[in-house]
Amino acid sequence: MKQPAKRVPIYLQIRQYLIGQIRQGFWKAGDRLPSENELAHTFQGSRITVKQALTALVEEGAVYRVQGKGSFVAEGAAELLQGISGESQGSGLPPSAQSAQSAYSILSSPSLPGGPSLMEAGLSAPPLIAFIIQNTLGSICSDLLLGIEEAATDGGCRVLFMNARDSRERESAMLQEAVQSGAKGIILFPVHGETYNEEVLRLTMEHYPIVVLDRYLRGVETNCVCSDNHKGTYLAVSHLIGKGHRRIGCVSSPVLGTTSLEDRLHGYEQALADHGIPVDHAAMLFNPAPEAIADFLHTRTALTALVAFDSVHGGMVMKAAEQAGIRIPEDLSLVAFDDYPFAELFKVLPTVIVQPFREIGQAAAQLLMELISSPGAERRRVTLPVQLIERSSTGPLPTRSRRE
């Protein structure tokens, strides 16, 4: 049975195409290469990916750049590149997957049995970037990692995955370990409850390429990719108000020091204020313990709806409500931040705010590769939109209070 062809990274397609054209004399010393925009259009890739391929050839001495004019073939480039296996056919078209896959095989291993080493082949290993996450977080982690890996592969990078296991000390040690391992940049999903990590601050001040996910560090200009947390809870509360609810509570772990949760709290409060509903601090619970949630539901009987700031607390509310004989949504409506794997299997299908984790991972990797190419670039915060998915855990205002 014929095996399906492996997907060839765009970075390697561009690189092998340029090498083949130079080796066969299509471009000679002093010739200007196609622009980054032209190569990006031809290969249906990004300018970041093209820049990665050109930068590698510049570092190897086969290409040089002239500010404002473009990239040019260096003197002796054809001879310098003769040691690289796999050729373009000189047709002026992108290389075949087979020739690019040959280059990928060399890049993927230090040496091949009976074949050339990386040094002998004239190739260096793809740049390494690290992804450090607070914990595995189920589908969230896998979606982030998938997005990061896709963008990194297209940009010619490898990914080192590290799990901090909710430990600040382990996170700090991993930041240092990633740098010592030769990572050119780091994507960090920080441990909850940090105003800032001193190691992140140090790396940021040294202009080391680092991108923080899900939150930003107040008072520190860091590169960040996150979803619109404020808009998410604003949508959740507005959805509940639209169904007639006015006594709307919230449940979360402690928000102080975690900007994503702080923004969700502000969005919750803003939605209430914009609809003329007073903010009631007694309707808020910032305690992750199941017994605290059970007591909260037992004593706050005037509440007709809740917003859970994450899926874990949403699940706790559903379980506590069932144990207390509180029907969802007949007695209590619920919206949770983040979707659930296999949500269709729930007894009551949850209404949720969905974050685009795969796209967040892609955006983070693309931003990091930009920073690696231009360490002095202006620091940026990228915010991606969220979406409310209405299911059956939200309903109209109950006809009577749970006190009755």
Protein backbone atom coordinates (compact mmCIF):
# COMPACT_ATOMS: atom_id res chain seq x y z
CA MET A 1 0.00 0.00 0.00
CA LYS A 2 1.42 3.39 -0.97
CA GLN A 3 2.26 5.60 2.00
CA PRO A 4 0.87 9.17 1.90
CA ALA A 5 3.47 11.80 1.11
CA LYS A 6 4.87 13.67 4.10
CA ARG A 7 4.00 17.34 4.33
CA VAL A 8 7.11 19.33 3.44
CA PRO A 9 7.67 22.53 5.43
CA ILE A 10 7.34 25.63 3.26
CA TYR A 11 10.65 26.89 4.67
CA LEU A 12 12.43 23.86 3.18
CA GLN A 13 10.65 24.17 -0.17
CA ILE A 14 11.86 27.77 -0.50
CA ARG A 15 15.36 26.94 0.67
CA GLN A 16 15.81 24.00 -1.70
CA TYR A 17 14.39 25.99 -4.60
CA LEU A 18 16.90 28.81 -4.07
CA ILE A 19 19.79 26.35 -3.64
CA GLY A 20 18.87 24.49 -6.83
CA GLN A 21 18.58 27.67 -8.91
CA ILE A 22 21.94 29.00 -7.69
CA ARG A 23 23.74 25.68 -8.19
CA GLN A 24 22.56 25.37 -11.77
CA GLY A 25 23.54 28.94 -12.64
CA PHE A 26 20.04 30.29 -13.09
CA TRP A 27 21.17 33.02 -10.67
CA LYS A 28 24.84 33.98 -10.71
CA ALA A 29 27.05 35.99 -8.34
CA GLY A 30 25.63 39.51 -7.96
CA ASP A 31 22.15 38.61 -9.24
CA ARG A 32 19.23 39.88 -7.21
CA LEU A 33 16.94 37.14 -5.86
CA PRO A 34 13.13 37.41 -5.97
CA SER A 35 11.73 39.64 -3.22
CA GLU A 36 10.27 38.26 -0.02
CA ASN A 37 6.78 39.16 -1.26
CA GLU A 38 7.36 37.36 -4.58
CA LEU A 39 8.61 34.19 -2.87
CA ALA A 40 5.79 34.30 -0.31
CA HIS A 41 3.23 34.55 -3.14
CA THR A 42 4.86 31.74 -5.18
CA PHE A 43 5.01 29.31 -2.26
CA GLN A 44 1.80 30.48 -0.56
CA GLY A 45 3.69 31.14 2.65
CA SER A 46 4.35 34.12 4.91
CA ARG A 47 7.14 36.69 4.66
CA ILE A 48 8.41 35.39 8.01
CA THR A 49 8.90 31.94 6.48
CA VAL A 50 10.72 33.42 3.47
CA LYS A 51 12.92 35.51 5.77
CA GLN A 52 13.88 32.36 7.71
CA ALA A 53 15.01 30.61 4.51
CA LEU A 54 16.98 33.63 3.27
CA THR A 55 18.57 34.24 6.70
CA ALA A 56 19.91 30.67 6.75
CA LEU A 57 21.56 31.20 3.33
CA VAL A 58 23.00 34.53 4.46
CA GLU A 59 24.53 32.86 7.52
CA GLU A 60 26.07 30.21 5.27
CA GLY A 61 27.63 32.87 3.04
CA ALA A 62 25.66 31.99 -0.10
CA VAL A 63 23.52 35.14 -0.08
CA TYR A 64 24.03 38.72 1.09
CA ARG A 65 21.58 41.53 1.73
CA VAL A 66 21.67 45.18 0.75
CA GLN A 67 19.46 47.42 2.87
CA GLY A 68 16.53 48.70 0.84
CA LYS A 69 17.51 46.77 -2.30
CA GLY A 70 17.04 43.09 -1.51
CA SER A 71 18.99 39.81 -1.38
CA PHE A 72 21.78 38.92 -3.81
CA VAL A 73 23.82 35.84 -4.73
CA ALA A 74 27.28 35.92 -3.13
CA GLU A 75 30.55 35.29 -4.98
CA GLY A 76 31.29 31.56 -5.03
CA ALA A 77 27.79 30.61 -3.84
CA ALA A 78 27.33 27.85 -6.46
CA GLU A 79 30.53 26.09 -5.32
CA LEU A 80 29.66 26.60 -1.66
CA LEU A 81 26.27 24.90 -2.14
CA GLN A 82 27.55 21.91 -4.13
CA GLY A 83 27.58 19.66 -1.06
CA ILE A 84 23.83 19.82 -0.59
CA SER A 85 21.85 16.83 -1.86
CA GLY A 86 18.65 17.19 -3.89
CA GLU A 87 18.32 19.64 -6.77
CA SER A 88 15.68 21.79 -8.33
CA GLN A 89 15.16 21.12 -12.02
CA GLY A 90 16.01 24.70 -13.01
CA SER A 91 12.58 25.29 -14.48
CA GLY A 92 11.93 28.39 -12.41
CA LEU A 93 9.09 26.59 -10.57
CA PRO A 94 9.04 25.54 -6.90
CA PRO A 95 10.93 22.28 -6.23
CA SER A 96 9.18 18.93 -6.09
CA ALA A 97 8.15 17.53 -2.74
CA GLN A 98 10.65 14.74 -3.30
CA SER A 99 13.71 17.01 -3.51
CA ALA A 100 12.56 19.15 -0.59
CA GLN A 101 11.87 16.01 1.45
CA SER A 102 15.49 14.97 0.82
CA ALA A 103 16.65 18.19 2.45
CA TYR A 104 14.19 17.64 5.31
CA SER A 105 15.67 14.21 5.99
CA ILE A 106 19.13 15.75 6.34
CA LEU A 107 17.80 18.47 8.65
CA SER A 108 16.00 15.98 10.86
CA SER A 109 19.04 13.97 11.93
CA PRO A 110 22.66 14.80 12.87
CA SER A 111 23.93 12.34 10.26
CA LEU A 112 22.61 9.60 8.01
CA PRO A 113 24.06 6.07 7.84
CA GLY A 114 26.64 6.15 5.06
CA GLY A 115 25.65 9.71 4.26
CA PRO A 116 26.83 13.23 5.03
CA SER A 117 26.63 14.92 8.40
CA LEU A 118 24.90 18.29 8.72
CA MET A 119 28.24 20.07 8.49
CA GLU A 120 29.31 18.04 5.46
CA ALA A 121 25.96 18.66 3.78
CA GLY A 122 26.31 22.39 4.28
CA LEU A 123 23.15 22.55 6.37
CA SER A 124 22.60 23.52 9.99
CA ALA A 125 19.87 22.14 12.26
CA PRO A 126 16.60 24.11 12.21
CA PRO A 127 16.38 26.77 14.94
CA LEU A 128 14.89 25.56 18.23
CA ILE A 129 12.06 27.36 20.03
CA ALA A 130 10.67 26.34 23.44
CA PHE A 131 7.05 26.13 24.55
CA ILE A 132 6.59 26.16 28.34
CA ILE A 133 3.06 25.57 29.63
CA GLN A 134 1.64 25.81 33.17
CA ASN A 135 0.18 22.28 32.92
CA THR A 136 -1.12 19.94 30.23
CA LEU A 137 -4.69 21.35 30.46
CA GLY A 138 -6.17 18.65 28.22
CA SER A 139 -7.46 19.86 24.86
CA ILE A 140 -6.25 23.43 25.52
CA CYS A 141 -2.64 22.25 25.61
CA SER A 142 -3.01 20.06 22.53
CA ASP A 143 -4.66 22.85 20.51
CA LEU A 144 -1.97 25.36 21.49
CA LEU A 145 0.81 22.89 20.72
CA LEU A 146 -0.74 21.99 17.37
CA GLY A 147 -0.94 25.65 16.34
CA ILE A 148 2.61 26.37 17.49
CA GLU A 149 4.00 23.29 15.73
CA GLU A 150 2.24 24.12 12.45
CA ALA A 151 3.56 27.68 12.31
CA ALA A 152 7.01 26.70 13.57
CA THR A 153 7.35 23.92 10.99
CA ASP A 154 6.37 26.26 8.16
CA GLY A 155 8.97 28.70 9.50
CA GLY A 156 11.69 26.04 9.62
CA CYS A 157 11.85 25.71 13.41
CA ARG A 158 11.73 22.82 15.87
CA VAL A 159 9.67 22.95 19.08
CA LEU A 160 10.88 21.94 22.55
CA PHE A 161 7.85 21.22 24.80
CA MET A 162 8.16 21.72 28.58
CA ASN A 163 5.53 21.33 31.35
CA ALA A 164 5.86 23.51 34.47
CA ARG A 165 3.20 21.47 36.34
CA ASP A 166 1.74 24.55 38.04
CA SER A 167 5.03 25.31 39.83
CA ARG A 168 6.56 28.79 39.70
CA GLU A 169 9.95 27.41 40.71
CA ARG A 170 9.82 24.78 37.96
CA GLU A 171 8.75 27.45 35.47
CA SER A 172 11.74 29.65 36.35
CA ALA A 173 14.11 26.67 36.06
CA MET A 174 12.64 25.75 32.67
CA LEU A 175 13.07 29.29 31.34
CA GLN A 176 16.76 29.07 32.19
CA GLU A 177 17.02 25.52 30.83
CA ALA A 178 15.43 26.51 27.51
CA VAL A 179 17.98 29.29 26.99
CA GLN A 180 20.85 26.98 27.96
CA SER A 181 19.54 24.35 25.52
CA GLY A 182 20.05 26.80 22.65
CA ALA A 183 16.43 27.84 22.13
CA LYS A 184 16.30 30.98 19.99
CA GLY A 185 13.07 32.06 21.65
CA ILE A 186 10.39 30.98 24.15
CA ILE A 187 6.59 30.83 24.15
CA LEU A 188 5.32 30.84 27.75
CA PHE A 189 1.87 30.00 29.13
CA PRO A 190 2.52 31.21 32.70
CA VAL A 191 1.53 29.61 35.98
CA HIS A 192 -1.60 31.18 37.54
CA GLY A 193 -1.31 33.92 40.12
CA GLU A 194 1.85 35.62 38.88
CA THR A 195 2.10 39.37 38.65
CA TYR A 196 5.36 38.69 36.89
CA ASN A 197 8.08 36.07 36.86
CA GLU A 198 11.50 37.57 37.57
CA GLU A 199 13.11 35.35 34.94
CA VAL A 200 10.62 36.59 32.32
CA LEU A 201 11.41 40.16 33.31
CA ARG A 202 15.15 39.54 33.03
CA LEU A 203 14.85 37.93 29.58
CA THR A 204 12.55 40.73 28.40
CA MET A 205 14.97 43.44 29.55
CA GLU A 206 17.78 41.63 27.72
CA HIS A 207 15.65 41.61 24.52
CA TYR A 208 15.60 37.82 24.42
CA PRO A 209 12.70 36.76 22.14
CA ILE A 210 9.81 35.69 24.39
CA VAL A 211 6.03 35.62 23.84
CA VAL A 212 3.60 35.20 26.75
CA LEU A 213 0.26 33.45 26.18
CA ASP A 214 -3.14 34.15 27.76
CA ARG A 215 -2.02 37.12 29.87
CA TYR A 216 0.24 40.11 29.95
CA LEU A 217 2.46 41.48 32.68
CA ARG A 218 1.17 44.77 34.06
CA GLY A 219 3.85 47.45 34.08
CA VAL A 220 6.15 45.36 31.87
CA GLU A 221 6.10 45.70 28.08
CA THR A 222 6.12 42.06 26.93
CA ASN A 223 5.04 40.42 23.71
CA CYS A 224 1.70 38.72 24.36
CA VAL A 225 -0.92 36.71 22.48
CA CYS A 226 -4.27 36.19 24.16
CA SER A 227 -7.99 36.02 23.53
CA ASP A 228 -10.37 38.88 24.31
CA ASN A 229 -11.08 37.89 27.93
CA HIS A 230 -12.95 41.11 28.71
CA LYS A 231 -15.26 40.66 25.73
CA GLY A 232 -15.85 36.99 26.63
CA THR A 233 -17.49 37.60 30.00
CA TYR A 234 -19.21 40.70 28.62
CA LEU A 235 -20.84 38.44 26.01
CA ALA A 236 -21.77 35.87 28.66
CA VAL A 237 -23.47 38.38 30.97
CA SER A 238 -25.22 40.15 28.08
CA HIS A 239 -26.52 36.79 26.86
CA LEU A 240 -28.00 36.06 30.28
CA ILE A 241 -29.51 39.56 30.59
CA GLY A 242 -31.11 39.04 27.19
CA LYS A 243 -32.93 36.03 28.67
CA GLY A 244 -34.32 38.15 31.51
CA HIS A 245 -31.75 37.48 34.26
CA ARG A 246 -30.61 40.32 36.52
CA ARG A 247 -29.19 38.44 39.52
CA ILE A 248 -26.08 37.05 37.88
CA GLY A 249 -23.14 35.76 39.91
CA CYS A 250 -19.66 34.59 38.98
CA VAL A 251 -17.33 31.78 40.11
CA SER A 252 -13.55 31.70 39.63
CA SER A 253 -10.24 30.89 41.23
CA PRO A 254 -8.56 33.97 42.80
CA VAL A 255 -8.15 36.60 40.10
CA LEU A 256 -5.51 38.86 41.65
CA GLY A 257 -2.25 38.77 39.69
CA THR A 258 -3.65 36.79 36.74
CA THR A 259 -4.52 39.39 34.12
CA SER A 260 -6.69 37.05 32.02
CA LEU A 261 -8.97 36.47 35.04
CA GLU A 262 -8.82 40.15 36.02
CA ASP A 263 -9.99 41.09 32.52
CA ARG A 264 -12.83 38.55 32.75
CA LEU A 265 -13.93 40.09 36.05
CA HIS A 266 -13.86 43.58 34.50
CA GLY A 267 -15.90 42.34 31.53
CA TYR A 268 -18.47 40.80 33.90
CA GLU A 269 -18.76 44.02 35.92
CA GLN A 270 -18.86 46.22 32.82
CA ALA A 271 -21.73 44.27 31.29
CA LEU A 272 -23.77 44.59 34.50
CA ALA A 273 -23.05 48.33 34.72
CA ASP A 274 -23.89 48.94 31.06
CA HIS A 275 -27.30 47.34 31.61
CA GLY A 276 -28.03 49.32 34.77
CA ILE A 277 -27.54 46.39 37.16
CA PRO A 278 -25.61 47.09 40.40
CA VAL A 279 -22.46 45.03 40.97
CA ASP A 280 -23.04 42.77 44.00
CA HIS A 281 -19.78 41.51 45.49
CA ALA A 282 -21.72 38.96 47.53
CA ALA A 283 -22.62 37.32 44.19
CA MET A 284 -18.94 36.59 43.46
CA LEU A 285 -17.01 33.51 44.60
CA PHE A 286 -13.23 33.32 44.17
CA ASN A 287 -12.60 29.94 45.78
CA PRO A 288 -11.77 26.80 43.76
CA ALA A 289 -12.84 24.31 46.46
CA PRO A 290 -15.91 22.15 45.60
CA GLU A 291 -17.31 22.55 49.12
CA ALA A 292 -17.12 26.36 48.79
CA ILE A 293 -19.10 26.19 45.54
CA ALA A 294 -21.72 23.92 47.14
CA ASP A 295 -22.10 26.36 50.06
CA PHE A 296 -22.28 29.31 47.65
CA LEU A 297 -25.18 27.73 45.74
CA HIS A 298 -26.93 26.86 49.01
CA THR A 299 -26.73 30.38 50.48
CA ARG A 300 -27.09 32.57 47.36
CA THR A 301 -30.58 31.38 46.45
CA ALA A 302 -31.56 34.72 44.88
CA LEU A 303 -29.12 34.15 42.01
CA THR A 304 -30.73 32.92 38.81
CA ALA A 305 -27.58 32.70 36.66
CA LEU A 306 -23.84 32.20 36.97
CA VAL A 307 -20.77 32.83 34.82
CA ALA A 308 -17.85 30.47 35.46
CA PHE A 309 -14.51 32.04 34.52
CA ASP A 310 -13.10 28.69 33.35
CA SER A 311 -14.38 25.25 32.34
CA VAL A 312 -13.13 23.56 35.53
CA HIS A 313 -15.31 25.77 37.73
CA GLY A 314 -18.17 25.40 35.26
CA GLY A 315 -17.98 21.64 35.74
CA MET A 316 -17.88 22.07 39.53
CA VAL A 317 -21.01 24.24 39.44
CA MET A 318 -22.87 21.65 37.34
CA LYS A 319 -21.89 18.85 39.74
CA ALA A 320 -22.74 20.85 42.88
CA ALA A 321 -26.08 21.92 41.40
CA GLU A 322 -27.03 18.33 40.57
CA GLN A 323 -26.13 17.17 44.09
CA ALA A 324 -28.23 19.99 45.59
CA GLY A 325 -31.22 19.26 43.39
CA ILE A 326 -30.82 22.55 41.49
CA ARG A 327 -31.91 22.13 37.88
CA ILE A 328 -29.91 23.69 35.04
CA PRO A 329 -31.27 25.75 33.34
CA GLU A 330 -34.77 25.63 34.92
CA ASP A 331 -33.52 26.93 38.31
CA LEU A 332 -30.08 28.27 37.42
CA SER A 333 -28.58 29.24 34.06
CA LEU A 334 -24.84 28.77 33.51
CA VAL A 335 -22.24 30.05 31.02
CA ALA A 336 -18.63 28.81 31.27
CA PHE A 337 -15.43 30.15 29.76
CA ASP A 338 -13.82 27.53 27.46
CA ASP A 339 -15.51 24.64 25.74
CA TYR A 340 -15.48 21.02 26.90
CA PRO A 341 -14.19 18.02 24.94
CA PHE A 342 -17.18 15.88 23.92
CA ALA A 343 -19.61 18.52 25.21
CA GLU A 344 -22.38 16.75 23.28
CA LEU A 345 -22.21 13.91 25.82
CA PHE A 346 -23.15 16.13 28.79
CA LYS A 347 -26.58 15.62 30.38
CA VAL A 348 -27.13 19.37 29.95
CA LEU A 349 -25.21 20.78 26.99
CA PRO A 350 -23.11 23.72 28.28
CA THR A 351 -23.32 27.24 26.87
CA VAL A 352 -19.70 28.38 26.57
CA ILE A 353 -17.29 31.11 25.56
CA VAL A 354 -14.81 29.59 23.10
CA GLN A 355 -11.20 30.72 22.78
CA PRO A 356 -9.34 30.00 19.47
CA PHE A 357 -6.42 28.14 21.07
CA ARG A 358 -5.03 26.73 17.82
CA GLU A 359 -4.97 30.20 16.27
CA ILE A 360 -3.41 31.60 19.46
CA GLY A 361 -0.60 29.05 19.12
CA GLN A 362 -0.06 29.91 15.46
CA ALA A 363 -0.01 33.65 16.15
CA ALA A 364 2.43 33.18 19.04
CA ALA A 365 4.88 31.14 16.96
CA GLN A 366 4.69 33.61 14.06
CA LEU A 367 5.30 36.55 16.41
CA LEU A 368 8.22 34.74 18.05
CA MET A 369 9.87 34.04 14.70
CA GLU A 370 9.52 37.72 13.82
CA LEU A 371 11.27 38.60 17.07
CA ILE A 372 14.06 36.11 16.39
CA SER A 373 14.65 37.75 13.00
CA SER A 374 14.34 41.28 14.45
CA PRO A 375 15.13 41.26 18.21
CA GLY A 376 14.74 45.03 18.46
CA ALA A 377 11.20 45.03 17.03
CA GLU A 378 8.52 46.93 18.93
CA ARG A 379 6.78 44.78 21.52
CA ARG A 380 3.19 43.85 20.68
CA ARG A 381 0.03 42.48 22.26
CA VAL A 382 -2.08 40.39 19.87
CA THR A 383 -5.72 39.87 20.91
CA LEU A 384 -7.90 37.28 19.17
CA PRO A 385 -11.74 37.33 19.24
CA VAL A 386 -13.83 34.86 21.26
CA GLN A 387 -17.21 33.34 20.45
CA LEU A 388 -20.30 32.49 22.50
CA ILE A 389 -21.85 29.11 21.67
CA GLU A 390 -25.39 28.83 23.05
CA ARG A 391 -26.52 25.38 24.14
CA SER A 392 -29.04 24.20 26.73
CA SER A 393 -27.45 25.32 30.04
CA THR A 394 -28.98 28.80 29.70
CA GLY A 395 -32.69 29.48 29.72
CA PRO A 396 -35.26 32.18 30.57
CA LEU A 397 -35.64 33.71 34.02
CA PRO A 398 -37.23 31.16 36.43
CA THR A 399 -40.84 31.88 37.38
CA ARG A 400 -39.98 31.55 41.08
CA SER A 401 -36.96 31.91 43.33
CA ARG A 402 -35.07 28.89 44.65
CA ARG A 403 -36.03 30.15 48.14
CA GLU A 404 -39.65 29.18 47.54
